[in-house]
Amino acid sequence: NGLLLGATSEFFKDLIFKQCRDQNSFTLNLQETSDELFLPIEAYALTGNIPDLWKKEKHEVENLLRQSLSWGVENVNKACQLTLKKYINGDNVFD
C-alpha cells in the first residue's frame, strides 16, 4: 500500500520516506487522522475510486475535501468537488 499511497501525492511520498524507509519501519503514523478521512483516500490509492462517496453527508465530503487538499491528493479533491455539486440548489446559491 505504501507504494500506491506514495504515488498518490508528494505528501505521502515524503512521509513514507521519512517514517518508513529512513527508520526501517513498515508502519505509517498519521496522527490525529480518523479512519473516516483516511480510508476513502486509501481506497482511491488502491482502486482509483472512492466507493459510496456520493452517499456521504455534505459535512463528510467537506472534511474529506479539506484533508485531500492538505495531503495534496488532487484526484480525491476533484471527486469531492464534483460530489458537493449535488448540494447546490436555488436556496443556497448566491447571485
PDB file of N, CA and C in Angstrom:
ATOM      1  N   ASN A   1       0.808  -1.201   0.000  1.00  0.00           N
ATOM      2  CA  ASN A   1       0.000   0.000   0.000  1.00  0.00           C
ATOM      3  C   ASN A   1       0.849   1.262   0.000  1.00  0.00           C
ATOM      4  N   GLY A   2       2.032   1.176   0.572  1.00  0.00           N
ATOM      5  CA  GLY A   2       2.904   2.337   0.658  1.00  0.00           C
ATOM      6  C   GLY A   2       3.288   2.886  -0.698  1.00  0.00           C
ATOM      7  N   LEU A   3       3.592   2.003  -1.644  1.00  0.00           N
ATOM      8  CA  LEU A   3       3.940   2.460  -2.984  1.00  0.00           C
ATOM      9  C   LEU A   3       2.776   3.165  -3.647  1.00  0.00           C
ATOM     10  N   LEU A   4       1.580   2.627  -3.471  1.00  0.00           N
ATOM     11  CA  LEU A   4       0.402   3.248  -4.075  1.00  0.00           C
ATOM     12  C   LEU A   4       0.094   4.594  -3.422  1.00  0.00           C
ATOM     13  N   LEU A   5       0.208   4.670  -2.105  1.00  0.00           N
ATOM     14  CA  LEU A   5      -0.003   5.952  -1.428  1.00  0.00           C
ATOM     15  C   LEU A   5       1.048   6.964  -1.865  1.00  0.00           C
ATOM     16  N   GLY A   6       2.296   6.523  -1.960  1.00  0.00           N
ATOM     17  CA  GLY A   6       3.375   7.409  -2.380  1.00  0.00           C
ATOM     18  C   GLY A   6       3.161   7.955  -3.778  1.00  0.00           C
ATOM     19  N   ALA A   7       2.545   7.175  -4.636  1.00  0.00           N
ATOM     20  CA  ALA A   7       2.256   7.630  -5.997  1.00  0.00           C
ATOM     21  C   ALA A   7       1.062   8.575  -6.035  1.00  0.00           C
ATOM     22  N   THR A   8       0.274   8.609  -4.969  1.00  0.00           N
ATOM     23  CA  THR A   8      -0.936   9.428  -4.922  1.00  0.00           C
ATOM     24  C   THR A   8      -0.627  10.900  -4.672  1.00  0.00           C
ATOM     25  N   SER A   9       0.393  11.169  -3.843  1.00  0.00           N
ATOM     26  CA  SER A   9       0.733  12.568  -3.556  1.00  0.00           C
ATOM     27  C   SER A   9       2.159  12.678  -3.030  1.00  0.00           C
ATOM     28  N   GLU A  10       2.717  13.858  -3.180  1.00  0.00           N
ATOM     29  CA  GLU A  10       4.057  14.143  -2.652  1.00  0.00           C
ATOM     30  C   GLU A  10       4.067  14.045  -1.129  1.00  0.00           C
ATOM     31  N   PHE A  11       2.963  14.433  -0.498  1.00  0.00           N
ATOM     32  CA  PHE A  11       2.864  14.344   0.955  1.00  0.00           C
ATOM     33  C   PHE A  11       3.136  12.915   1.419  1.00  0.00           C
ATOM     34  N   PHE A  12       2.430  11.953   0.806  1.00  0.00           N
ATOM     35  CA  PHE A  12       2.611  10.555   1.196  1.00  0.00           C
ATOM     36  C   PHE A  12       3.994  10.040   0.813  1.00  0.00           C
ATOM     37  N   LYS A  13       4.466  10.444  -0.328  1.00  0.00           N
ATOM     38  CA  LYS A  13       5.798  10.020  -0.755  1.00  0.00           C
ATOM     39  C   LYS A  13       6.849  10.452   0.266  1.00  0.00           C
ATOM     40  N   ASP A  14       6.820  11.719   0.664  1.00  0.00           N
ATOM     41  CA  ASP A  14       7.767  12.228   1.655  1.00  0.00           C
ATOM     42  C   ASP A  14       7.585  11.552   3.007  1.00  0.00           C
ATOM     43  N   LEU A  15       6.344  11.375   3.425  1.00  0.00           N
ATOM     44  CA  LEU A  15       6.051  10.749   4.711  1.00  0.00           C
ATOM     45  C   LEU A  15       6.548   9.308   4.753  1.00  0.00           C
ATOM     46  N   ILE A  16       6.352   8.591   3.674  1.00  0.00           N
ATOM     47  CA  ILE A  16       6.800   7.193   3.615  1.00  0.00           C
ATOM     48  C   ILE A  16       8.321   7.123   3.685  1.00  0.00           C
ATOM     49  N   PHE A  17       8.992   8.024   2.987  1.00  0.00           N
ATOM     50  CA  PHE A  17      10.456   8.038   3.067  1.00  0.00           C
ATOM     51  C   PHE A  17      10.924   8.341   4.484  1.00  0.00           C
ATOM     52  N   LYS A  18      10.305   9.326   5.133  1.00  0.00           N
ATOM     53  CA  LYS A  18      10.738   9.739   6.472  1.00  0.00           C
ATOM     54  C   LYS A  18      10.396   8.706   7.540  1.00  0.00           C
ATOM     55  N   GLN A  19       9.159   8.201   7.509  1.00  0.00           N
ATOM     56  CA  GLN A  19       8.707   7.321   8.591  1.00  0.00           C
ATOM     57  C   GLN A  19       9.023   5.851   8.346  1.00  0.00           C
ATOM     58  N   CYS A  20       9.059   5.445   7.117  1.00  0.00           N
ATOM     59  CA  CYS A  20       9.230   4.015   6.835  1.00  0.00           C
ATOM     60  C   CYS A  20      10.643   3.683   6.378  1.00  0.00           C
ATOM     61  N   ARG A  21      11.037   4.232   5.271  1.00  0.00           N
ATOM     62  CA  ARG A  21      12.344   3.872   4.718  1.00  0.00           C
ATOM     63  C   ARG A  21      13.491   4.302   5.637  1.00  0.00           C
ATOM     64  N   ASP A  22      13.496   5.560   6.049  1.00  0.00           N
ATOM     65  CA  ASP A  22      14.597   6.078   6.855  1.00  0.00           C
ATOM     66  C   ASP A  22      14.661   5.460   8.247  1.00  0.00           C
ATOM     67  N   GLN A  23      13.539   4.968   8.752  1.00  0.00           N
ATOM     68  CA  GLN A  23      13.508   4.389  10.096  1.00  0.00           C
ATOM     69  C   GLN A  23      13.339   2.874  10.071  1.00  0.00           C
ATOM     70  N   ASN A  24      13.466   2.265   8.899  1.00  0.00           N
ATOM     71  CA  ASN A  24      13.300   0.813   8.746  1.00  0.00           C
ATOM     72  C   ASN A  24      12.029   0.313   9.421  1.00  0.00           C
ATOM     73  N   SER A  25      10.951   0.973   9.112  1.00  0.00           N
ATOM     74  CA  SER A  25       9.652   0.635   9.709  1.00  0.00           C
ATOM     75  C   SER A  25       8.640   0.348   8.610  1.00  0.00           C
ATOM     76  N   PHE A  26       7.665  -0.485   8.931  1.00  0.00           N
ATOM     77  CA  PHE A  26       6.589  -0.780   7.999  1.00  0.00           C
ATOM     78  C   PHE A  26       5.284  -0.117   8.422  1.00  0.00           C
ATOM     79  N   THR A  27       5.362   0.782   9.399  1.00  0.00           N
ATOM     80  CA  THR A  27       4.171   1.429   9.931  1.00  0.00           C
ATOM     81  C   THR A  27       4.194   2.907   9.607  1.00  0.00           C
ATOM     82  N   LEU A  28       3.120   3.387   9.037  1.00  0.00           N
ATOM     83  CA  LEU A  28       2.957   4.798   8.732  1.00  0.00           C
ATOM     84  C   LEU A  28       2.060   5.405   9.802  1.00  0.00           C
ATOM     85  N   ASN A  29       2.528   6.457  10.451  1.00  0.00           N
ATOM     86  CA  ASN A  29       1.784   7.072  11.542  1.00  0.00           C
ATOM     87  C   ASN A  29       1.153   8.375  11.054  1.00  0.00           C
ATOM     88  N   LEU A  30      -0.151   8.384  10.979  1.00  0.00           N
ATOM     89  CA  LEU A  30      -0.903   9.587  10.606  1.00  0.00           C
ATOM     90  C   LEU A  30      -1.650  10.071  11.838  1.00  0.00           C
ATOM     91  N   GLN A  31      -0.947  10.793  12.673  1.00  0.00           N
ATOM     92  CA  GLN A  31      -1.529  11.262  13.929  1.00  0.00           C
ATOM     93  C   GLN A  31      -2.739  12.141  13.665  1.00  0.00           C
ATOM     94  N   GLU A  32      -3.712  11.997  14.522  1.00  0.00           N
ATOM     95  CA  GLU A  32      -4.914  12.824  14.510  1.00  0.00           C
ATOM     96  C   GLU A  32      -5.706  12.711  13.210  1.00  0.00           C
ATOM     97  N   THR A  33      -5.606  11.581  12.534  1.00  0.00           N
ATOM     98  CA  THR A  33      -6.391  11.354  11.326  1.00  0.00           C
ATOM     99  C   THR A  33      -7.347  10.203  11.581  1.00  0.00           C
ATOM    100  N   SER A  34      -8.617  10.457  11.356  1.00  0.00           N
ATOM    101  CA  SER A  34      -9.619   9.428  11.601  1.00  0.00           C
ATOM    102  C   SER A  34      -9.694   8.469  10.421  1.00  0.00           C
ATOM    103  N   ASP A  35     -10.225   7.292  10.690  1.00  0.00           N
ATOM    104  CA  ASP A  35     -10.471   6.330   9.612  1.00  0.00           C
ATOM    105  C   ASP A  35     -11.435   6.906   8.586  1.00  0.00           C
ATOM    106  N   GLU A  36     -12.374   7.703   9.066  1.00  0.00           N
ATOM    107  CA  GLU A  36     -13.367   8.327   8.188  1.00  0.00           C
ATOM    108  C   GLU A  36     -12.692   9.148   7.090  1.00  0.00           C
ATOM    109  N   LEU A  37     -11.559   9.777   7.410  1.00  0.00           N
ATOM    110  CA  LEU A  37     -10.843  10.576   6.421  1.00  0.00           C
ATOM    111  C   LEU A  37      -9.791   9.774   5.665  1.00  0.00           C
ATOM    112  N   PHE A  38      -9.139   8.847   6.349  1.00  0.00           N
ATOM    113  CA  PHE A  38      -8.062   8.113   5.683  1.00  0.00           C
ATOM    114  C   PHE A  38      -8.563   7.021   4.749  1.00  0.00           C
ATOM    115  N   LEU A  39      -9.558   6.268   5.159  1.00  0.00           N
ATOM    116  CA  LEU A  39      -9.994   5.107   4.373  1.00  0.00           C
ATOM    117  C   LEU A  39     -10.445   5.453   2.952  1.00  0.00           C
ATOM    118  N   PRO A  40     -11.197   6.546   2.730  1.00  0.00           N
ATOM    119  CA  PRO A  40     -11.537   6.876   1.340  1.00  0.00           C
ATOM    120  C   PRO A  40     -10.306   7.223   0.498  1.00  0.00           C
ATOM    121  N   ILE A  41      -9.324   7.875   1.101  1.00  0.00           N
ATOM    122  CA  ILE A  41      -8.098   8.221   0.377  1.00  0.00           C
ATOM    123  C   ILE A  41      -7.292   6.966   0.092  1.00  0.00           C
ATOM    124  N   GLU A  42      -7.250   6.056   1.048  1.00  0.00           N
ATOM    125  CA  GLU A  42      -6.575   4.776   0.818  1.00  0.00           C
ATOM    126  C   GLU A  42      -7.289   3.995  -0.290  1.00  0.00           C
ATOM    127  N   ALA A  43      -8.611   3.993  -0.255  1.00  0.00           N
ATOM    128  CA  ALA A  43      -9.375   3.292  -1.292  1.00  0.00           C
ATOM    129  C   ALA A  43      -9.066   3.878  -2.660  1.00  0.00           C
ATOM    130  N   TYR A  44      -8.956   5.193  -2.735  1.00  0.00           N
ATOM    131  CA  TYR A  44      -8.606   5.814  -4.014  1.00  0.00           C
ATOM    132  C   TYR A  44      -7.216   5.363  -4.465  1.00  0.00           C
ATOM    133  N   ALA A  45      -6.261   5.336  -3.544  1.00  0.00           N
ATOM    134  CA  ALA A  45      -4.897   4.924  -3.892  1.00  0.00           C
ATOM    135  C   ALA A  45      -4.864   3.485  -4.396  1.00  0.00           C
ATOM    136  N   LEU A  46      -5.690   2.624  -3.810  1.00  0.00           N
ATOM    137  CA  LEU A  46      -5.691   1.207  -4.178  1.00  0.00           C
ATOM    138  C   LEU A  46      -6.497   0.908  -5.435  1.00  0.00           C
ATOM    139  N   THR A  47      -7.590   1.642  -5.646  1.00  0.00           N
ATOM    140  CA  THR A  47      -8.516   1.280  -6.726  1.00  0.00           C
ATOM    141  C   THR A  47      -8.754   2.376  -7.753  1.00  0.00           C
ATOM    142  N   GLY A  48      -8.375   3.624  -7.424  1.00  0.00           N
ATOM    143  CA  GLY A  48      -8.685   4.738  -8.311  1.00  0.00           C
ATOM    144  C   GLY A  48     -10.116   5.208  -8.176  1.00  0.00           C
ATOM    145  N   ASN A  49     -10.778   4.771  -7.113  1.00  0.00           N
ATOM    146  CA  ASN A  49     -12.188   5.086  -6.906  1.00  0.00           C
ATOM    147  C   ASN A  49     -12.451   5.259  -5.409  1.00  0.00           C
ATOM    148  N   ILE A  50     -13.451   6.066  -5.083  1.00  0.00           N
ATOM    149  CA  ILE A  50     -13.879   6.211  -3.690  1.00  0.00           C
ATOM    150  C   ILE A  50     -15.289   5.649  -3.601  1.00  0.00           C
ATOM    151  N   PRO A  51     -15.421   4.434  -3.091  1.00  0.00           N
ATOM    152  CA  PRO A  51     -16.749   3.815  -3.028  1.00  0.00           C
ATOM    153  C   PRO A  51     -17.720   4.637  -2.174  1.00  0.00           C
ATOM    154  N   ASP A  52     -18.914   4.793  -2.686  1.00  0.00           N
ATOM    155  CA  ASP A  52     -20.003   5.428  -1.942  1.00  0.00           C
ATOM    156  C   ASP A  52     -19.746   6.881  -1.555  1.00  0.00           C
ATOM    157  N   LEU A  53     -18.857   7.555  -2.253  1.00  0.00           N
ATOM    158  CA  LEU A  53     -18.639   8.972  -1.957  1.00  0.00           C
ATOM    159  C   LEU A  53     -19.937   9.752  -2.116  1.00  0.00           C
ATOM    160  N   TRP A  54     -20.714   9.401  -3.102  1.00  0.00           N
ATOM    161  CA  TRP A  54     -21.971  10.102  -3.373  1.00  0.00           C
ATOM    162  C   TRP A  54     -22.992   9.916  -2.258  1.00  0.00           C
ATOM    163  N   LYS A  55     -22.810   8.906  -1.410  1.00  0.00           N
ATOM    164  CA  LYS A  55     -23.742   8.658  -0.309  1.00  0.00           C
ATOM    165  C   LYS A  55     -23.400   9.454   0.946  1.00  0.00           C
ATOM    166  N   LYS A  56     -22.212  10.005   1.003  1.00  0.00           N
ATOM    167  CA  LYS A  56     -21.774  10.692   2.219  1.00  0.00           C
ATOM    168  C   LYS A  56     -22.531  12.001   2.420  1.00  0.00           C
ATOM    169  N   GLU A  57     -22.661  12.374   3.677  1.00  0.00           N
ATOM    170  CA  GLU A  57     -23.283  13.645   4.029  1.00  0.00           C
ATOM    171  C   GLU A  57     -22.374  14.799   3.599  1.00  0.00           C
ATOM    172  N   LYS A  58     -22.965  15.951   3.431  1.00  0.00           N
ATOM    173  CA  LYS A  58     -22.218  17.128   2.972  1.00  0.00           C
ATOM    174  C   LYS A  58     -21.000  17.401   3.854  1.00  0.00           C
ATOM    175  N   HIS A  59     -21.177  17.374   5.164  1.00  0.00           N
ATOM    176  CA  HIS A  59     -20.058  17.681   6.063  1.00  0.00           C
ATOM    177  C   HIS A  59     -18.938  16.644   5.939  1.00  0.00           C
ATOM    178  N   GLU A  60     -19.286  15.394   5.650  1.00  0.00           N
ATOM    179  CA  GLU A  60     -18.270  14.356   5.473  1.00  0.00           C
ATOM    180  C   GLU A  60     -17.449  14.610   4.208  1.00  0.00           C
ATOM    181  N   VAL A  61     -18.130  15.006   3.143  1.00  0.00           N
ATOM    182  CA  VAL A  61     -17.434  15.298   1.886  1.00  0.00           C
ATOM    183  C   VAL A  61     -16.554  16.540   2.051  1.00  0.00           C
ATOM    184  N   GLU A  62     -17.073  17.541   2.759  1.00  0.00           N
ATOM    185  CA  GLU A  62     -16.277  18.757   3.012  1.00  0.00           C
ATOM    186  C   GLU A  62     -15.023  18.432   3.820  1.00  0.00           C
ATOM    187  N   ASN A  63     -15.163  17.585   4.828  1.00  0.00           N
ATOM    188  CA  ASN A  63     -13.991  17.191   5.623  1.00  0.00           C
ATOM    189  C   ASN A  63     -12.981  16.418   4.784  1.00  0.00           C
ATOM    190  N   LEU A  64     -13.462  15.523   3.941  1.00  0.00           N
ATOM    191  CA  LEU A  64     -12.580  14.764   3.063  1.00  0.00           C
ATOM    192  C   LEU A  64     -11.901  15.697   2.058  1.00  0.00           C
ATOM    193  N   LEU A  65     -12.623  16.684   1.567  1.00  0.00           N
ATOM    194  CA  LEU A  65     -12.046  17.679   0.664  1.00  0.00           C
ATOM    195  C   LEU A  65     -10.912  18.428   1.351  1.00  0.00           C
ATOM    196  N   ARG A  66     -11.140  18.876   2.570  1.00  0.00           N
ATOM    197  CA  ARG A  66     -10.091  19.585   3.318  1.00  0.00           C
ATOM    198  C   ARG A  66      -8.860  18.698   3.517  1.00  0.00           C
ATOM    199  N   GLN A  67      -9.100  17.439   3.874  1.00  0.00           N
ATOM    200  CA  GLN A  67      -7.975  16.536   4.113  1.00  0.00           C
ATOM    201  C   GLN A  67      -7.211  16.266   2.816  1.00  0.00           C
ATOM    202  N   SER A  68      -7.934  16.072   1.725  1.00  0.00           N
ATOM    203  CA  SER A  68      -7.263  15.813   0.445  1.00  0.00           C
ATOM    204  C   SER A  68      -6.458  17.033  -0.005  1.00  0.00           C
ATOM    205  N   LEU A  69      -6.953  18.232   0.276  1.00  0.00           N
ATOM    206  CA  LEU A  69      -6.184  19.441  -0.024  1.00  0.00           C
ATOM    207  C   LEU A  69      -4.921  19.493   0.813  1.00  0.00           C
ATOM    208  N   SER A  70      -5.051  19.173   2.086  1.00  0.00           N
ATOM    209  CA  SER A  70      -3.909  19.182   2.999  1.00  0.00           C
ATOM    210  C   SER A  70      -2.830  18.185   2.574  1.00  0.00           C
ATOM    211  N   TRP A  71      -3.266  17.029   2.106  1.00  0.00           N
ATOM    212  CA  TRP A  71      -2.323  15.979   1.717  1.00  0.00           C
ATOM    213  C   TRP A  71      -1.949  16.024   0.244  1.00  0.00           C
ATOM    214  N   GLY A  72      -2.535  16.923  -0.504  1.00  0.00           N
ATOM    215  CA  GLY A  72      -2.205  17.063  -1.914  1.00  0.00           C
ATOM    216  C   GLY A  72      -2.675  15.914  -2.791  1.00  0.00           C
ATOM    217  N   VAL A  73      -3.804  15.329  -2.431  1.00  0.00           N
ATOM    218  CA  VAL A  73      -4.357  14.221  -3.215  1.00  0.00           C
ATOM    219  C   VAL A  73      -5.374  14.823  -4.188  1.00  0.00           C
ATOM    220  N   GLU A  74      -4.862  15.266  -5.326  1.00  0.00           N
ATOM    221  CA  GLU A  74      -5.633  16.059  -6.280  1.00  0.00           C
ATOM    222  C   GLU A  74      -6.885  15.356  -6.785  1.00  0.00           C
ATOM    223  N   ASN A  75      -6.812  14.090  -7.119  1.00  0.00           N
ATOM    224  CA  ASN A  75      -7.983  13.411  -7.678  1.00  0.00           C
ATOM    225  C   ASN A  75      -9.088  13.193  -6.652  1.00  0.00           C
ATOM    226  N   VAL A  76      -8.739  13.020  -5.404  1.00  0.00           N
ATOM    227  CA  VAL A  76      -9.763  12.934  -4.352  1.00  0.00           C
ATOM    228  C   VAL A  76     -10.402  14.311  -4.169  1.00  0.00           C
ATOM    229  N   ASN A  77      -9.584  15.336  -4.232  1.00  0.00           N
ATOM    230  CA  ASN A  77     -10.071  16.704  -4.158  1.00  0.00           C
ATOM    231  C   ASN A  77     -11.108  16.943  -5.251  1.00  0.00           C
ATOM    232  N   LYS A  78     -10.798  16.572  -6.486  1.00  0.00           N
ATOM    233  CA  LYS A  78     -11.723  16.763  -7.600  1.00  0.00           C
ATOM    234  C   LYS A  78     -13.005  15.955  -7.418  1.00  0.00           C
ATOM    235  N   ALA A  79     -12.868  14.721  -6.954  1.00  0.00           N
ATOM    236  CA  ALA A  79     -14.050  13.876  -6.733  1.00  0.00           C
ATOM    237  C   ALA A  79     -14.964  14.499  -5.678  1.00  0.00           C
ATOM    238  N   CYS A  80     -14.381  15.062  -4.634  1.00  0.00           N
ATOM    239  CA  CYS A  80     -15.177  15.717  -3.593  1.00  0.00           C
ATOM    240  C   CYS A  80     -15.889  16.947  -4.144  1.00  0.00           C
ATOM    241  N   GLN A  81     -15.191  17.725  -4.950  1.00  0.00           N
ATOM    242  CA  GLN A  81     -15.816  18.909  -5.542  1.00  0.00           C
ATOM    243  C   GLN A  81     -17.008  18.520  -6.405  1.00  0.00           C
ATOM    244  N   LEU A  82     -16.843  17.499  -7.207  1.00  0.00           N
ATOM    245  CA  LEU A  82     -17.952  17.042  -8.051  1.00  0.00           C
ATOM    246  C   LEU A  82     -19.122  16.536  -7.221  1.00  0.00           C
ATOM    247  N   THR A  83     -18.818  15.847  -6.136  1.00  0.00           N
ATOM    248  CA  THR A  83     -19.872  15.325  -5.264  1.00  0.00           C
ATOM    249  C   THR A  83     -20.618  16.453  -4.565  1.00  0.00           C
ATOM    250  N   LEU A  84     -19.899  17.504  -4.189  1.00  0.00           N
ATOM    251  CA  LEU A  84     -20.544  18.624  -3.498  1.00  0.00           C
ATOM    252  C   LEU A  84     -21.527  19.376  -4.391  1.00  0.00           C
ATOM    253  N   LYS A  85     -21.404  19.226  -5.690  1.00  0.00           N
ATOM    254  CA  LYS A  85     -22.344  19.891  -6.596  1.00  0.00           C
ATOM    255  C   LYS A  85     -23.789  19.475  -6.334  1.00  0.00           C
ATOM    256  N   LYS A  86     -23.979  18.251  -5.860  1.00  0.00           N
ATOM    257  CA  LYS A  86     -25.356  17.788  -5.634  1.00  0.00           C
ATOM    258  C   LYS A  86     -26.054  18.548  -4.508  1.00  0.00           C
ATOM    259  N   TYR A  87     -25.264  19.255  -3.699  1.00  0.00           N
ATOM    260  CA  TYR A  87     -25.844  20.012  -2.587  1.00  0.00           C
ATOM    261  C   TYR A  87     -26.186  21.446  -2.972  1.00  0.00           C
ATOM    262  N   ILE A  88     -25.888  21.837  -4.211  1.00  0.00           N
ATOM    263  CA  ILE A  88     -26.194  23.190  -4.659  1.00  0.00           C
ATOM    264  C   ILE A  88     -27.605  23.213  -5.224  1.00  0.00           C
ATOM    265  N   ASN A  89     -28.371  24.178  -4.733  1.00  0.00           N
ATOM    266  CA  ASN A  89     -29.736  24.342  -5.245  1.00  0.00           C
ATOM    267  C   ASN A  89     -30.113  25.820  -5.217  1.00  0.00           C
ATOM    268  N   GLY A  90     -31.297  26.133  -5.656  1.00  0.00           N
ATOM    269  CA  GLY A  90     -31.753  27.518  -5.731  1.00  0.00           C
ATOM    270  C   GLY A  90     -31.788  28.220  -4.394  1.00  0.00           C
ATOM    271  N   ASP A  91     -31.905  27.478  -3.318  1.00  0.00           N
ATOM    272  CA  ASP A  91     -31.996  28.077  -1.982  1.00  0.00           C
ATOM    273  C   ASP A  91     -30.640  28.477  -1.414  1.00  0.00           C
ATOM    274  N   ASN A  92     -29.562  27.879  -1.895  1.00  0.00           N
ATOM    275  CA  ASN A  92     -28.252  28.175  -1.295  1.00  0.00           C
ATOM    276  C   ASN A  92     -27.246  28.752  -2.276  1.00  0.00           C
ATOM    277  N   VAL A  93     -27.724  29.238  -3.425  1.00  0.00           N
ATOM    278  CA  VAL A  93     -26.844  29.861  -4.410  1.00  0.00           C
ATOM    279  C   VAL A  93     -26.943  31.372  -4.290  1.00  0.00           C
ATOM    280  N   PHE A  94     -25.788  32.035  -4.373  1.00  0.00           N
ATOM    281  CA  PHE A  94     -25.751  33.486  -4.335  1.00  0.00           C
ATOM    282  C   PHE A  94     -25.578  34.018  -5.756  1.00  0.00           C
ATOM    283  N   ASP A  95     -26.189  35.163  -6.033  1.00  0.00           N
ATOM    284  CA  ASP A  95     -26.019  35.818  -7.339  1.00  0.00           C
ATOM    285  C   ASP A  95     -24.682  36.489  -7.409  1.00  0.00           C
TER     286      ASP A  95
END
